[in-house]
Amino acid sequence: MHRFATLSRTLVPLRSALEAAGVPVSVGYEQIRRQVFPAPVKDGRRSLVPSDEVEAVIAARIAGQDESQIRGIVQRLHAQRQTGVKA
């Protein structure tokens, strides 16, 4: 399992990100489709997820946010990828 604490923003394999969040792979793909888990970035054949995005979703779940709130977080995170600016 990858340790996210060492760098503030790294790309980690999708499976490792799902494992860190306690989400089975099959459920993870459904959560990505529903936009309640960050979509991976393709790097050749690899699917990678920004670690800070995974941490944000985990923190939201710990805080008890519901699916619509988490979807909003994920959508903002995806928008930040396009602009490079934190929302």
Protein backbone atom coordinates (compact mmCIF):
# COMPACT_ATOMS: atom_id res chain seq x y z
CA MET A 1 0.00 0.00 0.00
CA HIS A 2 1.25 3.49 -0.80
CA ARG A 3 1.90 5.98 1.96
CA PHE A 4 0.29 9.31 1.06
CA ALA A 5 1.80 11.31 3.93
CA THR A 6 5.24 11.70 2.36
CA LEU A 7 4.23 14.04 -0.47
CA SER A 8 1.31 16.40 -0.64
CA ARG A 9 0.42 15.50 -4.23
CA THR A 10 1.49 12.31 -5.89
CA LEU A 11 -0.07 9.96 -8.41
CA VAL A 12 -0.84 6.51 -7.05
CA PRO A 13 -2.17 3.43 -8.82
CA LEU A 14 -5.95 3.23 -8.86
CA ARG A 15 -6.01 -0.11 -7.03
CA SER A 16 -3.83 1.32 -4.24
CA ALA A 17 -6.07 4.38 -3.98
CA LEU A 18 -9.16 2.21 -3.70
CA GLU A 19 -7.44 0.00 -1.13
CA ALA A 20 -6.48 3.07 0.94
CA ALA A 21 -10.12 4.16 0.88
CA GLY A 22 -11.32 0.68 1.85
CA VAL A 23 -13.21 0.26 -1.42
CA PRO A 24 -13.24 -3.00 -3.42
CA VAL A 25 -12.18 -2.54 -7.05
CA SER A 26 -15.59 -3.48 -8.48
CA VAL A 27 -17.32 -0.99 -6.17
CA GLY A 28 -14.65 1.61 -6.95
CA TYR A 29 -15.46 1.62 -10.65
CA GLU A 30 -19.13 2.19 -9.80
CA GLN A 31 -18.18 5.03 -7.46
CA ILE A 32 -16.04 6.61 -10.19
CA ARG A 33 -19.00 6.37 -12.57
CA ARG A 34 -21.25 8.05 -9.97
CA GLN A 35 -18.54 10.69 -9.39
CA VAL A 36 -18.12 9.91 -5.69
CA PHE A 37 -14.50 8.75 -6.12
CA PRO A 38 -11.87 10.60 -8.15
CA ALA A 39 -11.47 9.36 -11.72
CA PRO A 40 -8.03 8.11 -12.63
CA VAL A 41 -5.57 9.89 -14.88
CA LYS A 42 -4.28 7.67 -17.68
CA ASP A 43 -0.51 7.38 -18.05
CA GLY A 44 -0.01 5.00 -20.90
CA ARG A 45 -1.56 1.77 -19.72
CA ARG A 46 -1.59 2.79 -16.06
CA SER A 47 -4.51 4.36 -14.21
CA LEU A 48 -3.31 6.77 -11.53
CA VAL A 49 -5.19 8.94 -9.02
CA PRO A 50 -3.88 12.11 -7.33
CA SER A 51 -3.29 11.20 -3.68
CA ASP A 52 -4.66 14.48 -2.35
CA GLU A 53 -7.97 13.80 -4.10
CA VAL A 54 -8.21 10.38 -2.46
CA GLU A 55 -7.40 11.95 0.91
CA ALA A 56 -10.15 14.56 0.40
CA VAL A 57 -12.76 11.87 -0.30
CA ILE A 58 -11.63 9.80 2.69
CA ALA A 59 -11.82 12.89 4.94
CA ALA A 60 -15.33 13.67 3.66
CA ARG A 61 -16.47 10.13 4.42
CA ILE A 62 -14.96 10.29 7.91
CA ALA A 63 -16.77 13.60 8.44
CA GLY A 64 -20.04 11.88 7.59
CA GLN A 65 -20.77 13.74 4.38
CA ASP A 66 -23.43 12.18 2.19
CA GLU A 67 -23.05 11.07 -1.42
CA SER A 68 -24.25 14.37 -2.91
CA GLN A 69 -21.73 16.31 -0.82
CA ILE A 70 -18.91 13.96 -1.80
CA ARG A 71 -19.97 14.23 -5.46
CA GLY A 72 -19.60 18.00 -5.17
CA ILE A 73 -16.11 17.59 -3.74
CA VAL A 74 -15.09 15.21 -6.52
CA GLN A 75 -16.50 17.53 -9.19
CA ARG A 76 -14.51 20.47 -7.73
CA LEU A 77 -11.38 18.34 -7.64
CA HIS A 78 -11.85 17.37 -11.28
CA ALA A 79 -12.37 21.04 -12.22
CA GLN A 80 -9.14 21.92 -10.41
CA ARG A 81 -7.28 19.48 -12.64
CA GLN A 82 -8.30 21.58 -15.64
CA THR A 83 -7.39 24.95 -14.16
CA GLY A 84 -4.55 23.95 -11.86
CA VAL A 85 -6.12 26.23 -9.21
CA LYS A 86 -7.51 24.95 -5.92
CA ALA A 87 -11.21 25.80 -5.61
